[in-house]
C-alpha atoms as a PDB file:
ATOM      1  CA  MET A   1     -11.212  11.787  37.450  1.00  0.00           C
ATOM      2  CA  LYS A   2     -11.732   8.693  35.308  1.00  0.00           C
ATOM      3  CA  LYS A   3     -15.331   7.559  35.299  1.00  0.00           C
ATOM      4  CA  THR A   4     -15.734   3.795  35.038  1.00  0.00           C
ATOM      5  CA  LEU A   5     -19.114   2.241  34.250  1.00  0.00           C
ATOM      6  CA  LEU A   6     -19.656  -1.466  34.958  1.00  0.00           C
ATOM      7  CA  LEU A   7     -22.217  -2.862  32.560  1.00  0.00           C
ATOM      8  CA  THR A   8     -25.342  -4.334  34.149  1.00  0.00           C
ATOM      9  CA  SER A   9     -26.527  -7.850  33.358  1.00  0.00           C
ATOM     10  CA  ALA A  10     -29.136  -6.358  31.036  1.00  0.00           C
ATOM     11  CA  LEU A  11     -26.535  -4.474  29.057  1.00  0.00           C
ATOM     12  CA  ILE A  12     -24.286  -7.512  28.976  1.00  0.00           C
ATOM     13  CA  GLY A  13     -27.161  -9.379  27.435  1.00  0.00           C
ATOM     14  CA  ASN A  14     -27.124  -6.918  24.566  1.00  0.00           C
ATOM     15  CA  LEU A  15     -23.500  -7.833  23.933  1.00  0.00           C
ATOM     16  CA  LEU A  16     -24.106 -11.559  23.568  1.00  0.00           C
ATOM     17  CA  PHE A  17     -23.863 -11.280  19.803  1.00  0.00           C
ATOM     18  CA  LEU A  18     -20.173 -10.590  20.427  1.00  0.00           C
ATOM     19  CA  GLY A  19     -19.888 -13.653  22.600  1.00  0.00           C
ATOM     20  CA  SER A  20     -18.790 -11.590  25.585  1.00  0.00           C
ATOM     21  CA  VAL A  21     -19.324 -12.990  29.076  1.00  0.00           C
ATOM     22  CA  GLN A  22     -18.187  -9.844  30.893  1.00  0.00           C
ATOM     23  CA  ALA A  23     -17.291  -6.343  29.824  1.00  0.00           C
ATOM     24  CA  GLN A  24     -16.215  -2.990  31.175  1.00  0.00           C
ATOM     25  CA  THR A  25     -16.699   0.438  29.644  1.00  0.00           C
ATOM     26  CA  THR A  26     -14.640   3.507  30.470  1.00  0.00           C
ATOM     27  CA  ILE A  27     -15.176   7.129  29.483  1.00  0.00           C
ATOM     28  CA  THR A  28     -12.215   9.477  29.514  1.00  0.00           C
ATOM     29  CA  GLY A  29     -11.581  12.915  28.117  1.00  0.00           C
ATOM     30  CA  GLU A  30      -8.991  15.542  27.327  1.00  0.00           C
ATOM     31  CA  LEU A  31      -9.122  19.319  27.193  1.00  0.00           C
ATOM     32  CA  LYS A  32      -6.369  21.523  25.761  1.00  0.00           C
ATOM     33  CA  MET A  33      -6.255  25.302  25.544  1.00  0.00           C
ATOM     34  CA  ALA A  34      -3.419  27.564  24.459  1.00  0.00           C
ATOM     35  CA  TYR A  35      -2.610  31.182  23.835  1.00  0.00           C
ATOM     36  CA  LYS A  36      -0.456  31.553  20.734  1.00  0.00           C
ATOM     37  CA  SER A  37       1.300  34.568  19.304  1.00  0.00           C
ATOM     38  CA  ILE A  38       3.051  34.329  15.936  1.00  0.00           C
ATOM     39  CA  GLU A  39       5.140  37.306  14.879  1.00  0.00           C
ATOM     40  CA  GLY A  40       6.021  37.948  11.274  1.00  0.00           C
ATOM     41  CA  PHE A  41       5.627  35.756   8.256  1.00  0.00           C
ATOM     42  CA  GLY A  42       6.818  37.460   5.118  1.00  0.00           C
ATOM     43  CA  THR A  43       7.093  41.169   4.421  1.00  0.00           C
ATOM     44  CA  GLY A  44       4.230  43.240   5.797  1.00  0.00           C
ATOM     45  CA  THR A  45       2.451  40.313   7.454  1.00  0.00           C
ATOM     46  CA  LYS A  46       0.636  41.139  10.671  1.00  0.00           C
ATOM     47  CA  SER A  47       1.176  39.156  13.828  1.00  0.00           C
ATOM     48  CA  ASN A  48      -1.433  36.552  14.754  1.00  0.00           C
ATOM     49  CA  SER A  49      -2.446  35.952  18.366  1.00  0.00           C
ATOM     50  CA  GLY A  50      -5.296  34.444  20.289  1.00  0.00           C
ATOM     51  CA  PHE A  51      -6.631  31.379  22.080  1.00  0.00           C
ATOM     52  CA  THR A  52      -6.919  27.880  20.638  1.00  0.00           C
ATOM     53  CA  SER A  53      -8.759  24.863  22.023  1.00  0.00           C
ATOM     54  CA  GLU A  54      -9.353  21.157  21.548  1.00  0.00           C
ATOM     55  CA  ARG A  55     -11.809  18.870  23.334  1.00  0.00           C
ATOM     56  CA  GLN A  56     -11.969  15.100  23.078  1.00  0.00           C
ATOM     57  CA  ILE A  57     -14.081  12.367  24.649  1.00  0.00           C
ATOM     58  CA  ASN A  58     -12.976   8.717  24.499  1.00  0.00           C
ATOM     59  CA  PHE A  59     -15.217   5.672  24.867  1.00  0.00           C
ATOM     60  CA  ALA A  60     -13.565   2.286  25.400  1.00  0.00           C
ATOM     61  CA  ASN A  61     -14.998  -1.155  26.034  1.00  0.00           C
ATOM     62  CA  LYS A  62     -13.038  -4.286  26.869  1.00  0.00           C
ATOM     63  CA  GLY A  63     -13.761  -7.782  28.067  1.00  0.00           C
ATOM     64  CA  LYS A  64     -13.336 -11.475  27.406  1.00  0.00           C
ATOM     65  CA  LEU A  65     -15.063 -13.493  24.707  1.00  0.00           C
ATOM     66  CA  ASN A  66     -16.653 -16.866  25.470  1.00  0.00           C
ATOM     67  CA  ASN A  67     -13.870 -18.562  23.479  1.00  0.00           C
ATOM     68  CA  GLY A  68     -11.261 -17.252  25.940  1.00  0.00           C
ATOM     69  CA  LEU A  69      -9.875 -14.440  23.793  1.00  0.00           C
ATOM     70  CA  ASP A  70      -9.859 -10.833  24.955  1.00  0.00           C
ATOM     71  CA  TYR A  71     -11.411  -8.003  23.000  1.00  0.00           C
ATOM     72  CA  ALA A  72     -11.370  -4.206  23.055  1.00  0.00           C
ATOM     73  CA  ALA A  73     -13.343  -1.616  21.117  1.00  0.00           C
ATOM     74  CA  GLY A  74     -13.777   2.115  21.200  1.00  0.00           C
ATOM     75  CA  PHE A  75     -14.060   5.476  19.508  1.00  0.00           C
ATOM     76  CA  SER A  76     -13.401   9.148  20.234  1.00  0.00           C
ATOM     77  CA  LEU A  77     -15.195  12.401  19.544  1.00  0.00           C
ATOM     78  CA  GLU A  78     -13.083  15.522  18.987  1.00  0.00           C
ATOM     79  CA  ARG A  79     -13.813  19.214  18.478  1.00  0.00           C
ATOM     80  CA  ASP A  80     -11.131  21.743  17.548  1.00  0.00           C
ATOM     81  CA  GLY A  81     -11.710  25.437  18.053  1.00  0.00           C
ATOM     82  CA  GLY A  82     -15.002  26.657  16.609  1.00  0.00           C
ATOM     83  CA  GLU A  83     -16.054  23.432  14.883  1.00  0.00           C
ATOM     84  CA  THR A  84     -19.817  22.958  15.042  1.00  0.00           C
ATOM     85  CA  ASN A  85     -19.690  19.152  14.970  1.00  0.00           C
ATOM     86  CA  PHE A  86     -17.597  16.492  16.635  1.00  0.00           C
ATOM     87  CA  ASP A  87     -15.003  14.774  14.466  1.00  0.00           C
ATOM     88  CA  GLY A  88     -15.903  11.076  14.517  1.00  0.00           C
ATOM     89  CA  ASN A  89     -12.733   9.909  12.743  1.00  0.00           C
ATOM     90  CA  GLU A  90     -10.776   9.649  15.978  1.00  0.00           C
ATOM     91  CA  GLY A  91      -9.667   6.276  17.304  1.00  0.00           C
ATOM     92  CA  ASN A  92     -12.360   3.928  15.952  1.00  0.00           C
ATOM     93  CA  TYR A  93     -11.343   0.315  16.532  1.00  0.00           C
ATOM     94  CA  PHE A  94     -12.270  -3.315  17.169  1.00  0.00           C
ATOM     95  CA  ASN A  95      -9.481  -5.474  18.644  1.00  0.00           C
ATOM     96  CA  ILE A  96      -9.248  -9.229  19.149  1.00  0.00           C
ATOM     97  CA  ILE A  97      -6.406 -10.062  21.543  1.00  0.00           C
ATOM     98  CA  SER A  98      -4.574 -13.318  22.168  1.00  0.00           C
ATOM     99  CA  GLY A  99      -1.679 -12.887  24.574  1.00  0.00           C
ATOM    100  CA  ASN A 100       0.838 -10.570  22.910  1.00  0.00           C
ATOM    101  CA  THR A 101      -0.914 -10.584  19.531  1.00  0.00           C
ATOM    102  CA  THR A 102      -3.682  -8.160  18.557  1.00  0.00           C
ATOM    103  CA  ILE A 103      -5.769  -8.177  15.381  1.00  0.00           C
ATOM    104  CA  THR A 104      -7.329  -4.765  14.845  1.00  0.00           C
ATOM    105  CA  VAL A 105      -9.851  -3.197  12.477  1.00  0.00           C
ATOM    106  CA  GLY A 106     -10.154   0.564  12.629  1.00  0.00           C
ATOM    107  CA  MET A 107      -8.505   3.931  12.097  1.00  0.00           C
ATOM    108  CA  ASP A 108      -6.320   6.336  14.075  1.00  0.00           C
ATOM    109  CA  HIS A 109      -5.562   3.593  16.573  1.00  0.00           C
ATOM    110  CA  ILE A 110      -2.771   1.264  15.501  1.00  0.00           C
ATOM    111  CA  LEU A 111       0.865   2.100  16.304  1.00  0.00           C
ATOM    112  CA  ASN A 112       1.924   4.599  13.629  1.00  0.00           C
ATOM    113  CA  GLY A 113       4.297   7.357  12.553  1.00  0.00           C
ATOM    114  CA  ASP A 114       2.816   9.876  14.994  1.00  0.00           C
ATOM    115  CA  TYR A 115       4.938   8.206  17.674  1.00  0.00           C
ATOM    116  CA  ALA A 116       7.271  10.756  19.326  1.00  0.00           C
ATOM    117  CA  ILE A 117      10.742   9.199  19.418  1.00  0.00           C
ATOM    118  CA  VAL A 118      12.552  12.545  19.823  1.00  0.00           C
ATOM    119  CA  PRO A 119      12.284  13.617  23.497  1.00  0.00           C
ATOM    120  CA  ARG A 120      10.423  16.882  24.017  1.00  0.00           C
ATOM    121  CA  ALA A 121       9.068  18.857  26.961  1.00  0.00           C
ATOM    122  CA  GLY A 122       5.880  19.633  25.011  1.00  0.00           C
ATOM    123  CA  ALA A 123       3.903  18.966  21.865  1.00  0.00           C
ATOM    124  CA  PRO A 124       5.467  18.417  18.395  1.00  0.00           C
ATOM    125  CA  MET A 125       5.942  21.490  16.229  1.00  0.00           C
ATOM    126  CA  ASN A 126       3.313  20.576  13.657  1.00  0.00           C
ATOM    127  CA  GLU A 127       0.724  20.699  16.435  1.00  0.00           C
ATOM    128  CA  GLU A 128       1.960  24.074  17.664  1.00  0.00           C
ATOM    129  CA  ILE A 129       2.437  25.876  14.325  1.00  0.00           C
ATOM    130  CA  GLY A 130       1.190  23.300  11.841  1.00  0.00           C
ATOM    131  CA  VAL A 131      -0.818  25.626   9.612  1.00  0.00           C
ATOM    132  CA  ILE A 132       1.715  28.454   9.431  1.00  0.00           C
ATOM    133  CA  GLY A 133       1.958  29.554   5.808  1.00  0.00           C
ATOM    134  CA  GLY A 134      -0.781  27.197   4.658  1.00  0.00           C
ATOM    135  CA  ILE A 135      -1.372  23.474   4.942  1.00  0.00           C
ATOM    136  CA  THR A 136       0.792  20.762   3.433  1.00  0.00           C
ATOM    137  CA  VAL A 137      -1.439  17.838   2.421  1.00  0.00           C
ATOM    138  CA  ALA A 138       0.155  14.406   2.360  1.00  0.00           C
ATOM    139  CA  ARG A 139       0.061  12.293  -0.824  1.00  0.00           C
ATOM    140  CA  VAL A 140      -0.870  15.172  -3.114  1.00  0.00           C
ATOM    141  CA  ASP A 141       0.911  18.170  -4.594  1.00  0.00           C
ATOM    142  CA  ALA A 142      -0.183  20.762  -2.023  1.00  0.00           C
ATOM    143  CA  ARG A 143       3.130  21.601  -0.386  1.00  0.00           C
ATOM    144  CA  THR A 144       2.745  25.333   0.177  1.00  0.00           C
ATOM    145  CA  GLY A 145       2.992  25.562   3.950  1.00  0.00           C
ATOM    146  CA  LEU A 146       5.126  24.133   6.713  1.00  0.00           C
ATOM    147  CA  GLN A 147       6.952  21.161   5.212  1.00  0.00           C
ATOM    148  CA  TYR A 148       7.619  19.413   8.508  1.00  0.00           C
ATOM    149  CA  ALA A 149       4.965  17.148  10.022  1.00  0.00           C
ATOM    150  CA  GLN A 150       5.589  14.400  12.544  1.00  0.00           C
ATOM    151  CA  SER A 151       3.432  11.864  10.694  1.00  0.00           C
ATOM    152  CA  LEU A 152       3.457  13.181   7.134  1.00  0.00           C
ATOM    153  CA  GLY A 153       2.445  10.493   4.657  1.00  0.00           C
ATOM    154  CA  ASP A 154       1.100   8.070   7.258  1.00  0.00           C
ATOM    155  CA  ASN A 155      -2.159   6.284   6.411  1.00  0.00           C
ATOM    156  CA  ASN A 156      -3.409   5.443   9.907  1.00  0.00           C
ATOM    157  CA  GLU A 157      -6.327   7.897   9.643  1.00  0.00           C
ATOM    158  CA  PHE A 158      -8.113   5.658   7.129  1.00  0.00           C
ATOM    159  CA  MET A 159      -9.909   2.392   7.827  1.00  0.00           C
ATOM    160  CA  GLY A 160      -7.546  -0.549   7.822  1.00  0.00           C
ATOM    161  CA  ILE A 161      -6.834  -4.054   9.078  1.00  0.00           C
ATOM    162  CA  GLY A 162      -3.737  -4.496  11.207  1.00  0.00           C
ATOM    163  CA  VAL A 163      -1.674  -6.772  13.424  1.00  0.00           C
ATOM    164  CA  VAL A 164       0.254  -5.713  16.536  1.00  0.00           C
ATOM    165  CA  GLN A 165       2.834  -8.104  17.988  1.00  0.00           C
ATOM    166  CA  LYS A 166       4.619  -7.495  21.294  1.00  0.00           C
ATOM    167  CA  THR A 167       8.025  -9.108  21.838  1.00  0.00           C
ATOM    168  CA  PRO A 168      10.705  -8.812  24.544  1.00  0.00           C
ATOM    169  CA  PHE A 169      12.598  -6.423  22.246  1.00  0.00           C
ATOM    170  CA  GLY A 170       9.732  -4.156  21.189  1.00  0.00           C
ATOM    171  CA  THR A 171       6.419  -3.942  19.380  1.00  0.00           C
ATOM    172  CA  PHE A 172       5.812  -4.596  15.673  1.00  0.00           C
ATOM    173  CA  ALA A 173       2.748  -3.278  13.855  1.00  0.00           C
ATOM    174  CA  GLY A 174       1.521  -3.775  10.310  1.00  0.00           C
ATOM    175  CA  ASN A 175      -1.516  -2.104   8.785  1.00  0.00           C
ATOM    176  CA  PHE A 176      -3.260  -2.562   5.430  1.00  0.00           C
ATOM    177  CA  VAL A 177      -5.703   0.064   4.143  1.00  0.00           C
ATOM    178  CA  PRO A 178      -7.930  -1.138   1.267  1.00  0.00           C
ATOM    179  CA  ARG A 179      -8.833   2.442   0.241  1.00  0.00           C
ATOM    180  CA  VAL A 180      -6.986   5.560   1.372  1.00  0.00           C
ATOM    181  CA  ASP A 181     -10.092   7.735   1.007  1.00  0.00           C
ATOM    182  CA  ASP A 182     -12.201   5.493   3.250  1.00  0.00           C
ATOM    183  CA  ASN A 183     -12.741   6.959   6.725  1.00  0.00           C
ATOM    184  CA  ALA A 184     -16.026   5.129   7.421  1.00  0.00           C
ATOM    185  CA  GLN A 185     -18.250   8.125   6.685  1.00  0.00           C
ATOM    186  CA  THR A 186     -20.839   5.995   4.886  1.00  0.00           C
ATOM    187  CA  ALA A 187     -23.868   5.184   7.044  1.00  0.00           C
ATOM    188  CA  ASP A 188     -24.205   1.554   8.125  1.00  0.00           C
ATOM    189  CA  THR A 189     -27.562   1.300   6.338  1.00  0.00           C
ATOM    190  CA  ALA A 190     -26.201   2.690   3.040  1.00  0.00           C
ATOM    191  CA  ALA A 191     -24.172   1.229   0.193  1.00  0.00           C
ATOM    192  CA  PRO A 192     -20.452   2.145   0.217  1.00  0.00           C
ATOM    193  CA  VAL A 193     -19.343   5.052  -1.931  1.00  0.00           C
ATOM    194  CA  THR A 194     -17.618   4.441  -5.252  1.00  0.00           C
ATOM    195  CA  ALA A 195     -14.272   2.745  -4.635  1.00  0.00           C
ATOM    196  CA  GLU A 196     -11.931   5.310  -6.151  1.00  0.00           C
ATOM    197  CA  GLY A 197      -9.166   5.258  -3.554  1.00  0.00           C
ATOM    198  CA  LYS A 198      -6.146   2.984  -3.893  1.00  0.00           C
ATOM    199  CA  SER A 199      -4.669   0.746  -1.205  1.00  0.00           C
ATOM    200  CA  ALA A 200      -1.841   1.459   1.223  1.00  0.00           C
ATOM    201  CA  TYR A 201       0.229  -0.247   3.883  1.00  0.00           C
ATOM    202  CA  SER A 202       2.433   0.708   6.821  1.00  0.00           C
ATOM    203  CA  LEU A 203       4.998  -1.158   8.922  1.00  0.00           C
ATOM    204  CA  PHE A 204       6.221   0.097  12.273  1.00  0.00           C
ATOM    205  CA  PHE A 205       8.518  -0.984  15.111  1.00  0.00           C
ATOM    206  CA  VAL A 206       9.284   0.643  18.435  1.00  0.00           C
ATOM    207  CA  GLY A 207      11.310  -0.894  21.240  1.00  0.00           C
ATOM    208  CA  ASP A 208      14.426  -0.904  23.372  1.00  0.00           C
ATOM    209  CA  LEU A 209      16.087  -4.026  21.849  1.00  0.00           C
ATOM    210  CA  GLY A 210      16.706  -5.157  25.417  1.00  0.00           C
ATOM    211  CA  VAL A 211      18.894  -2.139  26.273  1.00  0.00           C
ATOM    212  CA  LYS A 212      17.747  -0.091  29.266  1.00  0.00           C
ATOM    213  CA  GLY A 213      17.250   3.581  28.416  1.00  0.00           C
ATOM    214  CA  LEU A 214      17.272   3.020  24.634  1.00  0.00           C
ATOM    215  CA  GLN A 215      14.268   3.525  22.392  1.00  0.00           C
ATOM    216  CA  ILE A 216      14.236   2.898  18.630  1.00  0.00           C
ATOM    217  CA  ALA A 217      11.490   3.578  16.072  1.00  0.00           C
ATOM    218  CA  LEU A 218      11.336   2.432  12.435  1.00  0.00           C
ATOM    219  CA  GLU A 219       8.603   3.140   9.891  1.00  0.00           C
ATOM    220  CA  ARG A 220       7.839   2.354   6.284  1.00  0.00           C
ATOM    221  CA  ALA A 221       4.559   3.316   4.640  1.00  0.00           C
ATOM    222  CA  ALA A 222       3.469   3.515   1.012  1.00  0.00           C
ATOM    223  CA  ASN A 223       0.302   4.237  -0.944  1.00  0.00           C
ATOM    224  CA  GLU A 224      -0.491   2.746  -4.332  1.00  0.00           C
ATOM    225  CA  LYS A 225      -0.416   5.572  -6.877  1.00  0.00           C
ATOM    226  CA  ASN A 226      -3.612   6.690  -8.521  1.00  0.00           C
ATOM    227  CA  GLY A 227      -4.041   7.763 -12.147  1.00  0.00           C
ATOM    228  CA  ALA A 228      -2.754  11.291 -11.498  1.00  0.00           C
ATOM    229  CA  ASN A 229       0.382  10.278  -9.614  1.00  0.00           C
ATOM    230  CA  LEU A 230       3.797   9.687 -11.111  1.00  0.00           C
ATOM    231  CA  THR A 231       4.938   7.455  -8.257  1.00  0.00           C
ATOM    232  CA  ASN A 232       3.728   5.726  -5.104  1.00  0.00           C
ATOM    233  CA  PRO A 233       3.659   8.260  -2.229  1.00  0.00           C
ATOM    234  CA  SER A 234       5.819   6.859   0.557  1.00  0.00           C
ATOM    235  CA  VAL A 235       7.493   7.673   3.850  1.00  0.00           C
ATOM    236  CA  THR A 236      10.561   6.066   5.426  1.00  0.00           C
ATOM    237  CA  ALA A 237      11.567   7.080   8.934  1.00  0.00           C
ATOM    238  CA  PHE A 238      13.963   5.936  11.622  1.00  0.00           C
ATOM    239  CA  GLY A 239      14.997   7.406  14.953  1.00  0.00           C
ATOM    240  CA  ALA A 240      16.396   6.658  18.390  1.00  0.00           C
ATOM    241  CA  SER A 241      16.517   8.183  21.837  1.00  0.00           C
ATOM    242  CA  TYR A 242      18.506   7.401  24.963  1.00  0.00           C
ATOM    243  CA  THR A 243      17.805   8.327  28.565  1.00  0.00           C
ATOM    244  CA  MET A 244      20.567   8.489  31.150  1.00  0.00           C
ATOM    245  CA  GLY A 245      19.641   9.891  34.517  1.00  0.00           C
ATOM    246  CA  ASP A 246      17.754  13.156  34.104  1.00  0.00           C
ATOM    247  CA  PHE A 247      18.869  13.699  30.495  1.00  0.00           C
ATOM    248  CA  SER A 248      17.260  12.316  27.333  1.00  0.00           C
ATOM    249  CA  ALA A 249      18.592  12.847  23.815  1.00  0.00           C
ATOM    250  CA  GLY A 250      17.295  11.667  20.473  1.00  0.00           C
ATOM    251  CA  ALA A 251      17.213  12.116  16.726  1.00  0.00           C
ATOM    252  CA  GLU A 252      14.945  11.127  13.850  1.00  0.00           C
ATOM    253  CA  ARG A 253      15.111  11.274  10.076  1.00  0.00           C
ATOM    254  CA  GLN A 254      12.068  11.113   7.822  1.00  0.00           C
ATOM    255  CA  ARG A 255      11.986  10.963   4.016  1.00  0.00           C
ATOM    256  CA  PHE A 256       8.677  11.613   2.275  1.00  0.00           C
ATOM    257  CA  VAL A 257       7.989  11.339  -1.463  1.00  0.00           C
ATOM    258  CA  ASP A 258       4.632  12.560  -2.737  1.00  0.00           C
ATOM    259  CA  GLY A 259       2.737  11.509  -5.843  1.00  0.00           C
ATOM    260  CA  THR A 260       4.492  14.084  -8.023  1.00  0.00           C
ATOM    261  CA  LYS A 261       7.963  12.736  -7.087  1.00  0.00           C
ATOM    262  CA  ALA A 262       8.681  15.877  -5.044  1.00  0.00           C
ATOM    263  CA  GLU A 263      10.342  14.896  -1.784  1.00  0.00           C
ATOM    264  CA  THR A 264      11.332  16.179   1.616  1.00  0.00           C
ATOM    265  CA  GLU A 265      13.897  14.864   4.072  1.00  0.00           C
ATOM    266  CA  THR A 266      13.514  16.012   7.667  1.00  0.00           C
ATOM    267  CA  THR A 267      16.036  15.583  10.483  1.00  0.00           C
ATOM    268  CA  GLU A 268      15.146  16.447  14.078  1.00  0.00           C
ATOM    269  CA  TYR A 269      17.406  16.537  17.160  1.00  0.00           C
ATOM    270  CA  GLY A 270      16.098  16.954  20.692  1.00  0.00           C
ATOM    271  CA  LEU A 271      17.467  17.128  24.241  1.00  0.00           C
ATOM    272  CA  THR A 272      15.451  17.274  27.470  1.00  0.00           C
ATOM    273  CA  TYR A 273      16.357  17.670  31.129  1.00  0.00           C
ATOM    274  CA  LYS A 274      14.182  16.528  34.028  1.00  0.00           C
ATOM    275  CA  ILE A 275      14.378  19.395  36.512  1.00  0.00           C
ATOM    276  CA  ASN A 276      12.317  17.554  39.140  1.00  0.00           C
ATOM    277  CA  ASN A 277       9.377  15.154  39.271  1.00  0.00           C
ATOM    278  CA  ASN A 278       7.027  17.839  37.944  1.00  0.00           C
ATOM    279  CA  ALA A 279       9.130  20.007  35.639  1.00  0.00           C
ATOM    280  CA  SER A 280      11.203  19.435  32.522  1.00  0.00           C
ATOM    281  CA  ALA A 281      12.846  21.546  29.837  1.00  0.00           C
ATOM    282  CA  GLY A 282      13.920  20.757  26.293  1.00  0.00           C
ATOM    283  CA  VAL A 283      15.501  22.180  23.175  1.00  0.00           C
ATOM    284  CA  GLY A 284      15.437  20.947  19.614  1.00  0.00           C
ATOM    285  CA  ARG A 285      16.211  21.657  15.997  1.00  0.00           C
ATOM    286  CA  ILE A 286      14.415  20.492  12.856  1.00  0.00           C
ATOM    287  CA  LYS A 287      15.817  20.839   9.354  1.00  0.00           C
ATOM    288  CA  THR A 288      13.832  19.942   6.241  1.00  0.00           C
ATOM    289  CA  GLU A 289      15.455  19.722   2.830  1.00  0.00           C
ATOM    290  CA  GLY A 290      13.388  19.476  -0.311  1.00  0.00           C
ATOM    291  CA  LYS A 291      13.497  18.626  -3.991  1.00  0.00           C
ATOM    292  CA  THR A 292      10.988  19.443  -6.695  1.00  0.00           C
ATOM    293  CA  ALA A 293       9.357  16.823  -8.887  1.00  0.00           C
ATOM    294  CA  ALA A 294      12.207  17.436 -11.347  1.00  0.00           C
ATOM    295  CA  GLY A 295      14.806  16.693  -8.647  1.00  0.00           C
ATOM    296  CA  ALA A 296      16.017  20.287  -8.207  1.00  0.00           C
ATOM    297  CA  GLY A 297      16.527  21.981  -4.847  1.00  0.00           C
ATOM    298  CA  TYR A 298      14.453  24.981  -3.749  1.00  0.00           C
ATOM    299  CA  ALA A 299      16.001  28.432  -4.137  1.00  0.00           C
ATOM    300  CA  GLY A 300      14.594  29.634  -0.818  1.00  0.00           C
ATOM    301  CA  GLY A 301      16.823  27.280   1.140  1.00  0.00           C
ATOM    302  CA  ASP A 302      16.143  24.611   3.723  1.00  0.00           C
ATOM    303  CA  GLU A 303      13.292  25.013   6.200  1.00  0.00           C
ATOM    304  CA  GLU A 304      14.603  25.230   9.781  1.00  0.00           C
ATOM    305  CA  ILE A 305      12.833  25.205  13.136  1.00  0.00           C
ATOM    306  CA  LYS A 306      14.472  25.785  16.526  1.00  0.00           C
ATOM    307  CA  TYR A 307      12.466  25.401  19.694  1.00  0.00           C
ATOM    308  CA  LEU A 308      12.666  25.739  23.468  1.00  0.00           C
ATOM    309  CA  GLN A 309      10.024  24.119  25.673  1.00  0.00           C
ATOM    310  CA  VAL A 310       9.359  24.075  29.400  1.00  0.00           C
ATOM    311  CA  GLY A 311       6.693  21.822  30.896  1.00  0.00           C
ATOM    312  CA  TYR A 312       5.261  21.711  34.415  1.00  0.00           C
ATOM    313  CA  ASN A 313       2.777  19.255  35.907  1.00  0.00           C
ATOM    314  CA  LEU A 314       0.470  20.884  38.446  1.00  0.00           C
ATOM    315  CA  GLY A 315      -1.300  17.639  39.296  1.00  0.00           C
ATOM    316  CA  GLY A 316      -4.800  18.382  38.038  1.00  0.00           C
ATOM    317  CA  PHE A 317      -3.483  19.808  34.786  1.00  0.00           C
ATOM    318  CA  SER A 318      -0.189  20.515  33.056  1.00  0.00           C
ATOM    319  CA  THR A 319       1.287  23.637  31.514  1.00  0.00           C
ATOM    320  CA  GLN A 320       3.707  24.060  28.651  1.00  0.00           C
ATOM    321  CA  LEU A 321       5.584  27.068  27.322  1.00  0.00           C
ATOM    322  CA  SER A 322       7.149  26.909  23.850  1.00  0.00           C
ATOM    323  CA  VAL A 323       9.261  29.427  21.953  1.00  0.00           C
ATOM    324  CA  ILE A 324       9.576  28.427  18.289  1.00  0.00           C
ATOM    325  CA  ASP A 325      11.704  30.108  15.639  1.00  0.00           C
ATOM    326  CA  SER A 326      10.985  29.153  12.021  1.00  0.00           C
ATOM    327  CA  GLU A 327      12.994  30.097   8.949  1.00  0.00           C
ATOM    328  CA  ASN A 328      12.309  29.585   5.236  1.00  0.00           C
ATOM    329  CA  VAL A 329       8.902  28.027   5.861  1.00  0.00           C
ATOM    330  CA  GLY A 330       7.790  26.207   2.734  1.00  0.00           C
ATOM    331  CA  PHE A 331      11.330  26.708   1.314  1.00  0.00           C
ATOM    332  CA  ALA A 332      10.642  30.432   0.824  1.00  0.00           C
ATOM    333  CA  ALA A 333      13.471  32.730   1.938  1.00  0.00           C
ATOM    334  CA  ALA A 334      11.185  35.577   3.084  1.00  0.00           C
ATOM    335  CA  GLN A 335       8.930  33.408   5.227  1.00  0.00           C
ATOM    336  CA  ASP A 336      10.286  33.557   8.788  1.00  0.00           C
ATOM    337  CA  ALA A 337       8.272  33.603  12.007  1.00  0.00           C
ATOM    338  CA  THR A 338       8.627  33.376  15.772  1.00  0.00           C
ATOM    339  CA  ALA A 339       5.859  31.752  17.803  1.00  0.00           C
ATOM    340  CA  TYR A 340       5.131  31.841  21.535  1.00  0.00           C
ATOM    341  CA  VAL A 341       2.766  29.199  22.884  1.00  0.00           C
ATOM    342  CA  LEU A 342       1.383  28.878  26.426  1.00  0.00           C
ATOM    343  CA  LYS A 343      -0.658  25.681  26.703  1.00  0.00           C
ATOM    344  CA  PHE A 344      -2.823  24.148  29.429  1.00  0.00           C
ATOM    345  CA  ALA A 345      -4.000  20.540  29.290  1.00  0.00           C
ATOM    346  CA  THR A 346      -5.930  18.138  31.483  1.00  0.00           C
ATOM    347  CA  LYS A 347      -7.137  14.557  31.237  1.00  0.00           C
ATOM    348  CA  PHE A 348     -10.052  13.047  33.113  1.00  0.00           C
END
């Protein structure tokens, strides 16, 4: 159940420095648990199985300024698995809103490449098996694990200044990040850390172009190269989906170039079927091709993921079953795995 707190006149008085004449604060949360079993990953590798978890609390405040403009602000606290502290880098933002235009300052909030244009009956594969074979880090030469990631190369998780514009055809978003290593970890009473990070930008569009059932997403993001990089890390992505009756189909292509000039090109296809108002099923295929910094292909072959997902909404919480088959993870021929994921999720 969503808990809504109306601010008292005393609390509103504390917000006068913002110029707010009325405000409302909401607290929401999300809890996800899953049992995952991953069989095989290279010769002699044991199977991995066990429970996973994620907890998140969201605080949001919105109201109207005394100049007539609207505002919104908020942040989230997240804990994954056995973390001892909450991650405070989730969804920090200040928004000033005028009609269909929003000026935003924050991180992990503006419309970005984590948008799911390919229809699925569950979570994206990088959330389900994202660390299989190691972790691929965007913008640097650490590409040892799963090469596919839904938002690889995006810079939305660093503090930036952005604009969001809604139109009858869709929503445009632009974001500028002064420093890509700045996630607001410096205390408000302290001097900022040494400015070593370079700047970055991202441009994004999602909309139906006035066609019922159609959805299109476009993204372009780039980071200014630092002294160790040979080129500007960048990502270019485009995709579309179409819903007709109970069926939805879509595809997306994403090209990512890291600072070493190594690159990946990922293509995903997905198809879902709405069984009834509570249940849906979907299948999909993801293929990632890669080139080394020298422009040569990888001997292990293309990385391929095939998945089947079934989702069911029980009202108070939802369930999801995924069967995921991965081949040539990290472009290594011997690295194949099959994963089974049973997930439960609720929002309140």
